[in-house]
Amino acid sequence: MSLLNLKDVTLKFGGLTAVNKLSLSVEEGQVFALVGPNGAGKSTAFNLISRFYTPFSGSITFDGHDLLRLRPSQVPGLGIARTFQNIELFHQATVLQNLLVGRHRHRRTTMLEELLHLPRVRSEERANRLAVEEVIDFLDLQPYRDQRIAGLPYGVRKVVELGRALASKPRLLLLDEPASGLSVEETQNMRWWIDDIRRHMGITVLMVEHDMGLVGKVCDRVLALADGAKLAEGTPAEVQSHPAVIAAYLGTAAVSKGADAKGVRA
C-alpha cells in the first residue's frame, strides 16, 4: 500500500475548478514532485492534504487513514509536516523557539503537570530540546540558534522553516517550493538536505518546485499539472520530454518545432 493516496480529488471555488480529478500515489521512501505552471493547482493539492480545504469529491488517505475525517489540527499527529510558499514563522521568536514549536505534536503532559512542573514535564522538555538540537546540527543553524527570525536573511528563514517541520519527526514531509528565492549555493545545500532527509532520516518527501534542475536531481517521480488536471507522470526525464508538458509551458507550436524540454522550468 502507498503511504499517501489521492483518488479522483476535485476542488471547486464557485465556478472555478482548482483541482480536477487528481489521482496520485506516493510510496514510502520516495521523493515525489508536483510541477506545473503558476495556477496549476500544486499548492492547492498541498492544502487539501493538510486539510485546509475539503474537496468537492474524491478521497485522500495517509497510511490507511482517511484524512477527510480529520480536522487540520489532527493531521500533524499522523506524521505529516509541511513548509509554505510564504514563510510562516514567529518573527519575534528565536530560531530555537520556532523549532520547539515543531515538537508540539509530541506533547504528552497535562496542564496540571505543566503548572506543577513535575518530573515528566522536565523529562519531556529535555527530549524536545535534544530533538531540536539534532535538527540545528543537521541544518547548520548553530550560528543562528538564539537570533530572532525578524533579523535573519531570507535563505536562513527558509532553512528554519524546514527545521521546524523536521523537528516534528514526520513520516511525510510536504515541501512547498523549497528552493524559491534561494541562491545557487543555497539551492545546492537544499538538494543535499533533501537527499539526507530521505536516505538517513527515512522521511518520504512530496514537494512542489519550479526549479527543474533540483527536481531532476532529487526526485524519483514527478507529476505535472496544468489547470488542476494531470498532464503526465513518470521520472523527471520522462515528464520533461512529454509533449503535453512542453505544450503547457511553451505552447503547442514548440512541440511541433521539437522544443528542447530541458529548457522548461516548472
Protein backbone atom coordinates (compact mmCIF):
# COMPACT_ATOMS: atom_id res chain seq x y z
CA MET A 1 0.00 0.00 0.00
CA SER A 2 1.23 3.51 -0.85
CA LEU A 3 1.88 5.89 2.04
CA LEU A 4 -0.22 8.69 0.52
CA ASN A 5 -3.08 8.27 -1.94
CA LEU A 6 -5.25 10.84 -3.67
CA LYS A 7 -8.02 9.38 -5.83
CA ASP A 8 -10.16 11.45 -8.20
CA VAL A 9 -9.84 14.53 -5.99
CA THR A 10 -11.73 17.57 -7.23
CA LEU A 11 -11.89 21.02 -5.62
CA LYS A 12 -14.05 23.87 -6.89
CA PHE A 13 -14.21 27.51 -5.89
CA GLY A 14 -17.56 28.60 -7.25
CA GLY A 15 -17.37 28.05 -11.00
CA LEU A 16 -13.59 27.56 -10.99
CA THR A 17 -12.22 24.02 -10.81
CA ALA A 18 -8.89 24.35 -9.00
CA VAL A 19 -8.13 20.60 -8.89
CA ASN A 20 -9.77 18.26 -11.36
CA LYS A 21 -9.98 14.51 -10.65
CA LEU A 22 -6.41 14.35 -9.40
CA SER A 23 -5.04 10.91 -8.52
CA LEU A 24 -1.55 10.18 -7.26
CA SER A 25 0.24 7.67 -5.05
CA VAL A 26 3.41 8.36 -3.09
CA GLU A 27 5.36 5.32 -1.95
CA GLU A 28 7.18 5.27 1.38
CA GLY A 29 10.78 6.41 0.95
CA GLN A 30 10.15 8.32 -2.28
CA VAL A 31 10.87 11.90 -3.21
CA PHE A 32 7.87 12.86 -5.36
CA ALA A 33 7.40 16.24 -7.05
CA LEU A 34 4.40 18.17 -8.31
CA VAL A 35 5.33 20.56 -11.10
CA GLY A 36 3.40 22.83 -13.38
CA PRO A 37 2.80 26.45 -14.40
CA ASN A 38 1.61 29.03 -11.89
CA GLY A 39 -2.01 28.37 -11.02
CA ALA A 40 -1.80 24.70 -11.95
CA GLY A 41 -3.14 23.56 -8.57
CA LYS A 42 0.09 22.36 -6.94
CA SER A 43 -0.13 24.25 -3.66
CA THR A 44 -3.88 23.68 -3.63
CA ALA A 45 -3.16 19.95 -3.59
CA PHE A 46 -0.94 20.53 -0.54
CA ASN A 47 -3.75 22.44 1.16
CA LEU A 48 -6.09 19.54 0.50
CA ILE A 49 -3.67 17.06 2.07
CA SER A 50 -3.18 19.42 5.04
CA ARG A 51 -6.99 19.67 5.34
CA PHE A 52 -7.07 23.44 4.90
CA TYR A 53 -9.51 22.69 2.07
CA THR A 54 -12.15 19.98 1.77
CA PRO A 55 -12.51 18.50 -1.73
CA PHE A 56 -15.76 18.57 -3.66
CA SER A 57 -15.26 14.85 -4.37
CA GLY A 58 -12.63 12.12 -4.16
CA SER A 59 -10.61 10.56 -1.34
CA ILE A 60 -7.30 11.25 0.41
CA THR A 61 -5.67 8.59 2.61
CA PHE A 62 -2.39 8.51 4.52
CA ASP A 63 -1.09 5.16 5.75
CA GLY A 64 -4.64 3.81 5.59
CA HIS A 65 -6.16 6.76 7.48
CA ASP A 66 -8.92 8.78 5.85
CA LEU A 67 -7.62 12.35 6.03
CA LEU A 68 -11.01 13.78 5.12
CA ARG A 69 -12.33 12.67 8.50
CA LEU A 70 -9.73 14.77 10.32
CA ARG A 71 -9.50 18.41 11.34
CA PRO A 72 -6.40 20.31 10.16
CA SER A 73 -5.01 20.25 13.72
CA GLN A 74 -5.12 16.44 13.72
CA VAL A 75 -3.08 15.94 10.55
CA PRO A 76 0.38 16.53 12.14
CA GLY A 77 -0.41 13.85 14.70
CA LEU A 78 -0.34 11.25 11.93
CA GLY A 79 3.19 12.29 10.99
CA ILE A 80 2.64 14.87 8.23
CA ALA A 81 4.60 18.13 8.32
CA ARG A 82 4.90 20.92 5.77
CA THR A 83 6.53 24.16 4.76
CA PHE A 84 4.82 27.03 2.93
CA GLN A 85 5.39 29.15 -0.18
CA ASN A 86 5.33 32.25 2.01
CA ILE A 87 7.45 31.57 5.08
CA GLU A 88 5.26 31.12 8.16
CA LEU A 89 7.40 31.67 11.25
CA PHE A 90 7.10 33.55 14.53
CA HIS A 91 9.22 36.56 13.63
CA GLN A 92 9.76 37.90 17.15
CA ALA A 93 10.82 34.49 18.48
CA THR A 94 14.27 32.95 18.17
CA VAL A 95 15.29 30.13 15.86
CA LEU A 96 15.35 27.74 18.82
CA GLN A 97 11.87 28.77 19.94
CA ASN A 98 10.46 28.34 16.42
CA LEU A 99 11.93 24.85 16.15
CA LEU A 100 10.49 23.89 19.54
CA VAL A 101 7.03 24.70 18.12
CA GLY A 102 7.56 21.74 15.81
CA ARG A 103 7.68 19.46 18.86
CA HIS A 104 4.13 20.32 19.89
CA ARG A 105 2.63 17.13 18.44
CA HIS A 106 4.80 15.08 20.81
CA ARG A 107 3.42 16.75 23.94
CA ARG A 108 2.08 14.17 26.39
CA THR A 109 1.92 16.14 29.64
CA THR A 110 -1.26 17.62 31.12
CA MET A 111 -1.95 21.22 32.05
CA LEU A 112 -1.74 20.34 35.76
CA GLU A 113 1.65 18.69 35.28
CA GLU A 114 2.84 21.79 33.43
CA LEU A 115 1.67 24.10 36.22
CA LEU A 116 3.42 21.99 38.88
CA HIS A 117 6.45 21.43 36.66
CA LEU A 118 6.52 17.75 37.57
CA PRO A 119 9.36 15.39 36.60
CA ARG A 120 7.54 14.18 33.47
CA VAL A 121 7.41 17.77 32.24
CA ARG A 122 11.15 18.23 32.75
CA SER A 123 11.85 14.92 31.03
CA GLU A 124 9.73 15.91 28.05
CA GLU A 125 11.42 19.29 27.83
CA ARG A 126 14.85 17.63 27.74
CA ALA A 127 13.71 15.24 24.99
CA ASN A 128 12.29 18.11 22.94
CA ARG A 129 15.45 20.17 23.33
CA LEU A 130 17.61 17.22 22.29
CA ALA A 131 15.48 16.61 19.18
CA VAL A 132 15.69 20.29 18.21
CA GLU A 133 19.46 20.43 18.74
CA GLU A 134 19.82 17.48 16.36
CA VAL A 135 17.93 19.44 13.71
CA ILE A 136 20.06 22.54 14.34
CA ASP A 137 23.21 20.49 13.80
CA PHE A 138 21.79 18.80 10.70
CA LEU A 139 20.89 22.11 9.02
CA ASP A 140 23.98 24.03 10.23
CA LEU A 141 21.85 26.52 12.16
CA GLN A 142 24.18 26.81 15.16
CA PRO A 143 25.18 30.45 14.42
CA TYR A 144 21.52 31.49 14.43
CA ARG A 145 20.18 29.46 17.37
CA ASP A 146 19.40 32.42 19.64
CA GLN A 147 18.69 35.05 16.98
CA ARG A 148 15.21 36.37 16.26
CA ILE A 149 13.68 35.41 12.93
CA ALA A 150 12.96 39.05 12.07
CA GLY A 151 16.68 39.79 11.76
CA LEU A 152 17.65 36.82 9.60
CA PRO A 153 18.23 36.69 5.82
CA TYR A 154 15.53 35.12 3.65
CA GLY A 155 17.58 32.00 2.87
CA VAL A 156 18.15 31.27 6.57
CA ARG A 157 14.44 31.68 7.27
CA LYS A 158 13.68 29.07 4.62
CA VAL A 159 16.02 26.65 6.37
CA VAL A 160 14.47 27.41 9.77
CA GLU A 161 11.01 26.59 8.41
CA LEU A 162 12.37 23.30 7.08
CA GLY A 163 13.89 22.68 10.50
CA ARG A 164 10.59 23.28 12.29
CA ALA A 165 8.94 20.68 10.06
CA LEU A 166 11.76 18.19 10.69
CA ALA A 167 11.57 18.78 14.46
CA SER A 168 8.14 17.12 14.45
CA LYS A 169 9.82 13.92 13.15
CA PRO A 170 7.31 13.37 10.33
CA ARG A 171 6.84 10.34 8.14
CA LEU A 172 5.75 12.55 5.22
CA LEU A 173 7.28 15.98 4.58
CA LEU A 174 5.45 18.40 2.27
CA LEU A 175 7.88 20.97 0.85
CA ASP A 176 6.20 23.88 -0.93
CA GLU A 177 8.81 25.43 -3.25
CA PRO A 178 11.84 24.76 -1.02
CA ALA A 179 14.28 26.42 -3.45
CA SER A 180 12.19 29.52 -4.18
CA GLY A 181 14.23 32.69 -3.65
CA LEU A 182 17.44 30.83 -2.81
CA SER A 183 20.86 31.45 -4.32
CA VAL A 184 22.65 28.80 -6.37
CA GLU A 185 24.70 27.78 -3.33
CA GLU A 186 21.63 27.67 -1.06
CA THR A 187 19.76 25.58 -3.62
CA GLN A 188 22.66 23.12 -3.72
CA ASN A 189 22.52 22.84 0.07
CA MET A 190 18.77 22.23 -0.14
CA ARG A 191 19.42 19.40 -2.59
CA TRP A 192 21.82 17.71 -0.17
CA TRP A 193 19.41 18.12 2.71
CA ILE A 194 16.53 16.60 0.78
CA ASP A 195 18.73 13.64 -0.13
CA ASP A 196 19.74 13.16 3.51
CA ILE A 197 16.17 13.61 4.75
CA ARG A 198 15.13 10.68 2.61
CA ARG A 199 18.19 8.45 2.91
CA HIS A 200 19.27 8.95 6.52
CA MET A 201 16.07 10.07 8.24
CA GLY A 202 13.77 7.74 6.30
CA ILE A 203 11.27 10.53 5.60
CA THR A 204 9.10 10.45 2.49
CA VAL A 205 9.05 13.78 0.64
CA LEU A 206 6.34 15.31 -1.53
CA MET A 207 7.44 18.63 -2.97
CA VAL A 208 6.17 21.44 -5.17
CA GLU A 209 9.05 23.01 -7.06
CA HIS A 210 9.71 25.29 -10.06
CA ASP A 211 13.42 24.51 -10.32
CA MET A 212 13.53 21.52 -12.66
CA GLY A 213 17.25 21.17 -12.11
CA LEU A 214 16.60 20.44 -8.44
CA VAL A 215 13.65 18.19 -9.30
CA GLY A 216 15.76 16.16 -11.70
CA LYS A 217 18.49 15.62 -9.11
CA VAL A 218 16.44 14.61 -6.06
CA CYS A 219 13.12 13.17 -7.26
CA ASP A 220 12.15 9.59 -8.06
CA ARG A 221 8.83 10.51 -9.69
CA VAL A 222 7.23 13.67 -11.00
CA LEU A 223 3.62 14.56 -11.74
CA ALA A 224 2.93 17.55 -13.98
CA LEU A 225 -0.26 19.56 -13.53
CA ALA A 226 -1.99 22.21 -15.64
CA ASP A 227 -5.34 23.84 -14.88
CA GLY A 228 -5.76 21.46 -11.94
CA ALA A 229 -5.52 18.28 -14.01
CA LYS A 230 -2.76 15.73 -14.51
CA LEU A 231 -0.74 16.14 -17.70
CA ALA A 232 1.92 13.47 -17.23
CA GLU A 233 3.60 11.32 -14.60
CA GLY A 234 6.89 9.47 -14.58
CA THR A 235 10.59 10.02 -14.00
CA PRO A 236 11.86 13.60 -14.22
CA ALA A 237 13.26 12.95 -17.70
CA GLU A 238 10.02 11.37 -18.93
CA VAL A 239 7.89 14.25 -17.69
CA GLN A 240 10.19 16.96 -19.06
CA SER A 241 10.11 15.41 -22.53
CA HIS A 242 6.35 14.76 -22.58
CA PRO A 243 4.64 16.72 -25.42
CA ALA A 244 1.72 17.81 -23.22
CA VAL A 245 4.12 19.24 -20.63
CA ILE A 246 6.13 21.11 -23.27
CA ALA A 247 2.91 22.49 -24.73
CA ALA A 248 1.71 23.66 -21.30
CA TYR A 249 4.89 25.69 -20.80
CA LEU A 250 5.94 26.75 -24.27
CA GLY A 251 2.79 26.41 -26.38
CA THR A 252 1.74 23.87 -29.00
CA ALA A 253 3.99 25.46 -31.59
CA ALA A 254 7.01 24.49 -29.52
CA VAL A 255 6.00 20.83 -29.70
CA SER A 256 5.81 20.84 -33.48
CA LYS A 257 9.23 22.51 -33.67
CA GLY A 258 10.75 19.91 -31.34
CA ALA A 259 11.47 22.28 -28.48
CA ASP A 260 14.17 21.18 -26.10
CA ALA A 261 12.24 20.13 -22.97
CA LYS A 262 15.35 20.52 -20.86
CA GLY A 263 14.83 24.26 -21.04
CA VAL A 264 11.39 24.03 -19.47
CA ARG A 265 11.02 25.38 -15.95
CA ALA A 266 8.10 24.25 -13.83
